[in-house]
């Protein structure tokens, strides 16, 4: 499956093997457990991130992976997003650095 990442005018298709999305639940559960304690989302502390916020956090980590050339982190964060938000097709990264403003494009219902 492909998650299209838009950063300004740039577009990066991140290809994630379907089996990785299905078979990484243990890793995703650890991420969720970590986020259950709350998370600093840019300037805002969020006590209990909801599904959208968790995917925004993963998108932010994914961009960090892309910037650092860490392909495994990039793919695992995209896999998390596609697992937790299966309708996601694209993410638009906020250029001002506010992860609460990352937007997702979803498949039509």
N, C-alpha and C. Protein backbone atom coordinates (compact mmCIF):
# COMPACT_ATOMS: atom_id res chain seq x y z
N UNK A 1 0.85 -1.16 0.00
CA UNK A 1 0.00 0.00 0.00
C UNK A 1 0.90 1.24 0.00
N UNK A 2 0.42 2.32 -0.56
CA UNK A 2 1.21 3.54 -0.64
C UNK A 2 0.53 4.64 0.17
N UNK A 3 1.34 5.32 0.98
CA UNK A 3 0.90 6.52 1.68
C UNK A 3 1.64 7.68 1.02
N UNK A 4 0.88 8.60 0.44
CA UNK A 4 1.47 9.75 -0.22
C UNK A 4 1.73 10.84 0.80
N UNK A 5 2.97 11.28 0.88
CA UNK A 5 3.38 12.30 1.85
C UNK A 5 3.65 13.58 1.07
N UNK A 6 2.96 14.65 1.46
CA UNK A 6 3.12 15.95 0.82
C UNK A 6 3.77 16.90 1.81
N UNK A 7 4.92 17.42 1.43
CA UNK A 7 5.64 18.40 2.24
C UNK A 7 5.85 19.61 1.34
N UNK A 8 5.02 20.61 1.53
CA UNK A 8 5.06 21.77 0.64
C UNK A 8 4.73 21.33 -0.77
N UNK A 9 5.59 21.68 -1.71
CA UNK A 9 5.38 21.32 -3.11
C UNK A 9 5.90 19.92 -3.45
N UNK A 10 6.59 19.30 -2.51
CA UNK A 10 7.18 17.98 -2.74
C UNK A 10 6.19 16.86 -2.39
N UNK A 11 6.26 15.79 -3.16
CA UNK A 11 5.39 14.63 -2.95
C UNK A 11 6.28 13.39 -2.87
N UNK A 12 6.08 12.61 -1.82
CA UNK A 12 6.87 11.40 -1.61
C UNK A 12 5.93 10.22 -1.38
N UNK A 13 5.85 9.30 -2.34
CA UNK A 13 5.05 8.09 -2.09
C UNK A 13 5.86 7.11 -1.23
N UNK A 14 5.30 6.74 -0.09
CA UNK A 14 5.97 5.78 0.80
C UNK A 14 5.27 4.44 0.62
N UNK A 15 5.98 3.48 0.08
CA UNK A 15 5.41 2.16 -0.17
C UNK A 15 5.60 1.28 1.06
N UNK A 16 4.48 0.74 1.54
CA UNK A 16 4.50 -0.10 2.74
C UNK A 16 3.94 -1.47 2.37
N UNK A 17 4.71 -2.53 2.57
CA UNK A 17 4.19 -3.88 2.27
C UNK A 17 2.94 -4.17 3.12
N UNK A 18 1.91 -4.73 2.49
CA UNK A 18 0.66 -5.04 3.19
C UNK A 18 0.89 -5.91 4.41
N UNK A 19 1.81 -6.89 4.31
CA UNK A 19 2.05 -7.79 5.45
C UNK A 19 2.64 -7.03 6.64
N UNK A 20 3.42 -6.00 6.38
CA UNK A 20 3.98 -5.19 7.47
C UNK A 20 2.86 -4.47 8.22
N UNK A 21 1.89 -3.97 7.49
CA UNK A 21 0.74 -3.28 8.11
C UNK A 21 -0.02 -4.26 8.99
N UNK A 22 -0.19 -5.48 8.52
CA UNK A 22 -0.97 -6.49 9.26
C UNK A 22 -0.20 -7.11 10.41
N UNK A 23 1.10 -7.31 10.24
CA UNK A 23 1.87 -8.14 11.18
C UNK A 23 2.70 -7.37 12.20
N UNK A 24 2.50 -6.07 12.29
CA UNK A 24 3.32 -5.27 13.22
C UNK A 24 2.53 -4.78 14.42
N UNK A 25 1.45 -5.48 14.76
CA UNK A 25 0.57 -5.03 15.84
C UNK A 25 1.31 -4.88 17.17
N UNK A 26 2.25 -5.76 17.45
CA UNK A 26 2.99 -5.66 18.72
C UNK A 26 3.75 -4.33 18.80
N UNK A 27 4.40 -3.97 17.71
CA UNK A 27 5.12 -2.69 17.65
C UNK A 27 4.15 -1.52 17.78
N UNK A 28 3.04 -1.59 17.06
CA UNK A 28 2.04 -0.51 17.10
C UNK A 28 1.44 -0.39 18.51
N UNK A 29 1.21 -1.51 19.17
CA UNK A 29 0.66 -1.50 20.53
C UNK A 29 1.64 -0.82 21.49
N UNK A 30 2.94 -1.05 21.30
CA UNK A 30 3.94 -0.37 22.14
C UNK A 30 3.91 1.13 21.91
N UNK A 31 3.76 1.53 20.66
CA UNK A 31 3.64 2.96 20.35
C UNK A 31 2.42 3.55 21.05
N UNK A 32 1.29 2.83 20.96
CA UNK A 32 0.06 3.31 21.59
C UNK A 32 0.22 3.43 23.10
N UNK A 33 0.86 2.43 23.70
CA UNK A 33 1.07 2.44 25.15
C UNK A 33 1.91 3.65 25.56
N UNK A 34 2.94 3.93 24.77
CA UNK A 34 3.77 5.10 25.03
C UNK A 34 2.95 6.39 24.93
N UNK A 35 2.09 6.48 23.92
CA UNK A 35 1.27 7.68 23.73
C UNK A 35 0.14 7.78 24.76
N UNK A 36 -0.24 6.65 25.37
CA UNK A 36 -1.28 6.66 26.41
C UNK A 36 -0.90 7.55 27.59
N UNK A 37 0.40 7.76 27.78
CA UNK A 37 0.88 8.59 28.90
C UNK A 37 0.81 10.08 28.58
N UNK A 38 0.36 10.41 27.39
CA UNK A 38 0.32 11.80 26.95
C UNK A 38 1.48 12.08 26.01
N UNK A 39 1.38 13.20 25.29
CA UNK A 39 2.41 13.50 24.31
C UNK A 39 2.48 15.01 24.09
N UNK A 40 3.69 15.52 23.97
CA UNK A 40 3.90 16.93 23.64
C UNK A 40 3.78 17.07 22.13
N UNK A 41 2.68 17.65 21.68
CA UNK A 41 2.44 17.83 20.25
C UNK A 41 2.75 19.28 19.90
N UNK A 42 3.96 19.50 19.43
CA UNK A 42 4.47 20.85 19.18
C UNK A 42 4.39 21.63 20.48
N UNK A 43 3.57 22.69 20.55
CA UNK A 43 3.50 23.50 21.78
C UNK A 43 2.40 23.05 22.74
N UNK A 44 1.65 22.04 22.37
CA UNK A 44 0.49 21.62 23.15
C UNK A 44 0.72 20.25 23.78
N UNK A 45 0.47 20.14 25.08
CA UNK A 45 0.50 18.84 25.75
C UNK A 45 -0.88 18.20 25.59
N UNK A 46 -0.92 16.97 25.10
CA UNK A 46 -2.18 16.24 24.93
C UNK A 46 -2.14 15.05 25.88
N UNK A 47 -3.06 15.04 26.87
CA UNK A 47 -3.09 13.99 27.89
C UNK A 47 -3.33 12.60 27.32
N UNK A 48 -4.29 12.50 26.43
CA UNK A 48 -4.66 11.20 25.87
C UNK A 48 -4.95 11.39 24.38
N UNK A 49 -3.91 11.30 23.53
CA UNK A 49 -4.13 11.54 22.10
C UNK A 49 -5.18 10.59 21.52
N UNK A 50 -6.06 11.16 20.68
CA UNK A 50 -7.06 10.34 20.00
C UNK A 50 -6.42 9.73 18.73
N UNK A 51 -7.22 9.02 17.97
CA UNK A 51 -6.70 8.32 16.79
C UNK A 51 -6.04 9.29 15.81
N UNK A 52 -6.69 10.41 15.53
CA UNK A 52 -6.12 11.38 14.60
C UNK A 52 -4.80 11.92 15.13
N UNK A 53 -4.77 12.30 16.40
CA UNK A 53 -3.55 12.85 16.98
C UNK A 53 -2.42 11.82 16.98
N UNK A 54 -2.74 10.57 17.25
CA UNK A 54 -1.71 9.52 17.21
C UNK A 54 -1.13 9.39 15.80
N UNK A 55 -1.98 9.50 14.80
CA UNK A 55 -1.49 9.43 13.42
C UNK A 55 -0.69 10.69 13.07
N UNK A 56 -1.06 11.84 13.63
CA UNK A 56 -0.28 13.06 13.42
C UNK A 56 1.11 12.91 14.05
N UNK A 57 1.17 12.30 15.22
CA UNK A 57 2.45 12.04 15.89
C UNK A 57 3.31 11.12 15.01
N UNK A 58 2.69 10.04 14.51
CA UNK A 58 3.42 9.10 13.65
C UNK A 58 3.89 9.80 12.37
N UNK A 59 3.05 10.68 11.81
CA UNK A 59 3.44 11.41 10.60
C UNK A 59 4.65 12.30 10.88
N UNK A 60 4.67 12.92 12.06
CA UNK A 60 5.81 13.76 12.42
C UNK A 60 7.08 12.93 12.55
N UNK A 61 6.97 11.77 13.17
CA UNK A 61 8.12 10.86 13.29
C UNK A 61 8.56 10.37 11.91
N UNK A 62 7.59 10.13 11.03
CA UNK A 62 7.88 9.67 9.68
C UNK A 62 8.72 10.71 8.94
N UNK A 63 8.35 11.98 9.07
CA UNK A 63 9.10 13.05 8.41
C UNK A 63 10.52 13.12 8.97
N UNK A 64 10.66 12.94 10.28
CA UNK A 64 12.00 12.90 10.88
C UNK A 64 12.81 11.77 10.26
N UNK A 65 12.19 10.61 10.08
CA UNK A 65 12.87 9.49 9.43
C UNK A 65 13.29 9.84 8.01
N UNK A 66 12.40 10.52 7.29
CA UNK A 66 12.72 10.90 5.91
C UNK A 66 13.89 11.88 5.88
N UNK A 67 13.86 12.86 6.79
CA UNK A 67 14.92 13.88 6.83
C UNK A 67 16.27 13.27 7.19
N UNK A 68 16.25 12.23 8.03
CA UNK A 68 17.50 11.60 8.48
C UNK A 68 17.91 10.41 7.64
N UNK A 69 17.16 10.12 6.57
CA UNK A 69 17.49 8.98 5.72
C UNK A 69 17.24 7.64 6.39
N UNK A 70 16.36 7.62 7.39
CA UNK A 70 16.05 6.40 8.13
C UNK A 70 14.82 5.75 7.50
N UNK A 71 15.06 4.90 6.50
CA UNK A 71 13.97 4.29 5.74
C UNK A 71 13.09 3.40 6.62
N UNK A 72 13.71 2.66 7.57
CA UNK A 72 12.90 1.77 8.42
C UNK A 72 11.91 2.57 9.26
N UNK A 73 12.37 3.68 9.86
CA UNK A 73 11.47 4.52 10.65
C UNK A 73 10.37 5.09 9.77
N UNK A 74 10.74 5.56 8.61
CA UNK A 74 9.76 6.13 7.67
C UNK A 74 8.68 5.11 7.35
N UNK A 75 9.08 3.90 6.99
CA UNK A 75 8.12 2.86 6.59
C UNK A 75 7.29 2.40 7.78
N UNK A 76 7.91 2.24 8.95
CA UNK A 76 7.14 1.79 10.13
C UNK A 76 6.10 2.82 10.56
N UNK A 77 6.43 4.10 10.47
CA UNK A 77 5.46 5.14 10.85
C UNK A 77 4.33 5.20 9.82
N UNK A 78 4.66 5.02 8.54
CA UNK A 78 3.62 4.96 7.51
C UNK A 78 2.74 3.73 7.74
N UNK A 79 3.36 2.61 8.12
CA UNK A 79 2.59 1.39 8.41
C UNK A 79 1.65 1.61 9.59
N UNK A 80 2.13 2.30 10.63
CA UNK A 80 1.28 2.60 11.79
C UNK A 80 0.05 3.41 11.33
N UNK A 81 0.30 4.44 10.54
CA UNK A 81 -0.81 5.28 10.06
C UNK A 81 -1.80 4.44 9.26
N UNK A 82 -1.30 3.62 8.34
CA UNK A 82 -2.19 2.82 7.50
C UNK A 82 -2.92 1.73 8.29
N UNK A 83 -2.33 1.29 9.40
CA UNK A 83 -2.99 0.30 10.25
C UNK A 83 -4.07 0.96 11.09
N UNK A 84 -3.77 2.09 11.68
CA UNK A 84 -4.70 2.75 12.59
C UNK A 84 -5.74 3.61 11.86
N UNK A 85 -5.40 4.03 10.65
CA UNK A 85 -6.31 4.84 9.83
C UNK A 85 -6.30 4.25 8.41
N UNK A 86 -6.93 3.07 8.25
CA UNK A 86 -6.83 2.36 6.96
C UNK A 86 -7.38 3.15 5.77
N UNK A 87 -8.22 4.13 6.06
CA UNK A 87 -8.79 4.94 4.97
C UNK A 87 -7.82 6.03 4.50
N UNK A 88 -6.70 6.22 5.19
CA UNK A 88 -5.73 7.27 4.81
C UNK A 88 -5.07 6.94 3.47
N UNK A 89 -4.98 7.95 2.64
CA UNK A 89 -4.29 7.80 1.36
C UNK A 89 -3.12 8.76 1.24
N UNK A 90 -3.21 9.89 1.98
CA UNK A 90 -2.15 10.90 1.90
C UNK A 90 -2.11 11.68 3.21
N UNK A 91 -0.94 12.23 3.48
CA UNK A 91 -0.77 13.13 4.62
C UNK A 91 -0.10 14.40 4.10
N UNK A 92 -0.62 15.53 4.56
CA UNK A 92 -0.07 16.84 4.21
C UNK A 92 0.59 17.39 5.46
N UNK A 93 1.90 17.53 5.41
CA UNK A 93 2.68 17.96 6.56
C UNK A 93 2.66 19.49 6.67
N UNK A 94 2.37 19.98 7.87
CA UNK A 94 2.35 21.41 8.12
C UNK A 94 3.77 21.96 8.05
N UNK A 95 3.98 22.96 7.22
CA UNK A 95 5.32 23.52 7.02
C UNK A 95 5.79 24.41 8.17
N UNK A 96 4.86 24.82 9.03
CA UNK A 96 5.23 25.65 10.18
C UNK A 96 5.72 24.81 11.35
N UNK A 97 5.66 23.48 11.21
CA UNK A 97 6.17 22.61 12.25
C UNK A 97 5.16 22.25 13.33
N UNK A 98 3.88 22.57 13.12
CA UNK A 98 2.85 22.24 14.11
C UNK A 98 2.21 20.92 13.73
N UNK A 99 2.58 19.85 14.45
CA UNK A 99 2.07 18.53 14.08
C UNK A 99 0.56 18.43 14.22
N UNK A 100 -0.07 19.29 15.03
CA UNK A 100 -1.53 19.28 15.14
C UNK A 100 -2.20 19.75 13.85
N UNK A 101 -1.42 20.34 12.96
CA UNK A 101 -1.96 20.82 11.69
C UNK A 101 -1.69 19.86 10.52
N UNK A 102 -1.01 18.74 10.78
CA UNK A 102 -0.85 17.74 9.72
C UNK A 102 -2.25 17.24 9.34
N UNK A 103 -2.54 17.18 8.04
CA UNK A 103 -3.87 16.77 7.57
C UNK A 103 -3.77 15.46 6.80
N UNK A 104 -4.85 14.68 6.88
CA UNK A 104 -4.91 13.41 6.17
C UNK A 104 -5.99 13.47 5.10
N UNK A 105 -5.67 12.89 3.96
CA UNK A 105 -6.65 12.71 2.89
C UNK A 105 -7.06 11.25 2.97
N UNK A 106 -8.37 11.01 2.93
CA UNK A 106 -8.85 9.64 3.06
C UNK A 106 -9.59 9.21 1.81
N UNK A 107 -9.72 7.91 1.66
CA UNK A 107 -10.45 7.36 0.52
C UNK A 107 -11.93 7.67 0.71
N UNK A 108 -12.65 7.91 -0.39
CA UNK A 108 -14.09 8.16 -0.27
C UNK A 108 -14.80 6.96 0.35
N UNK A 109 -15.80 7.27 1.14
CA UNK A 109 -16.55 6.19 1.83
C UNK A 109 -17.40 5.41 0.86
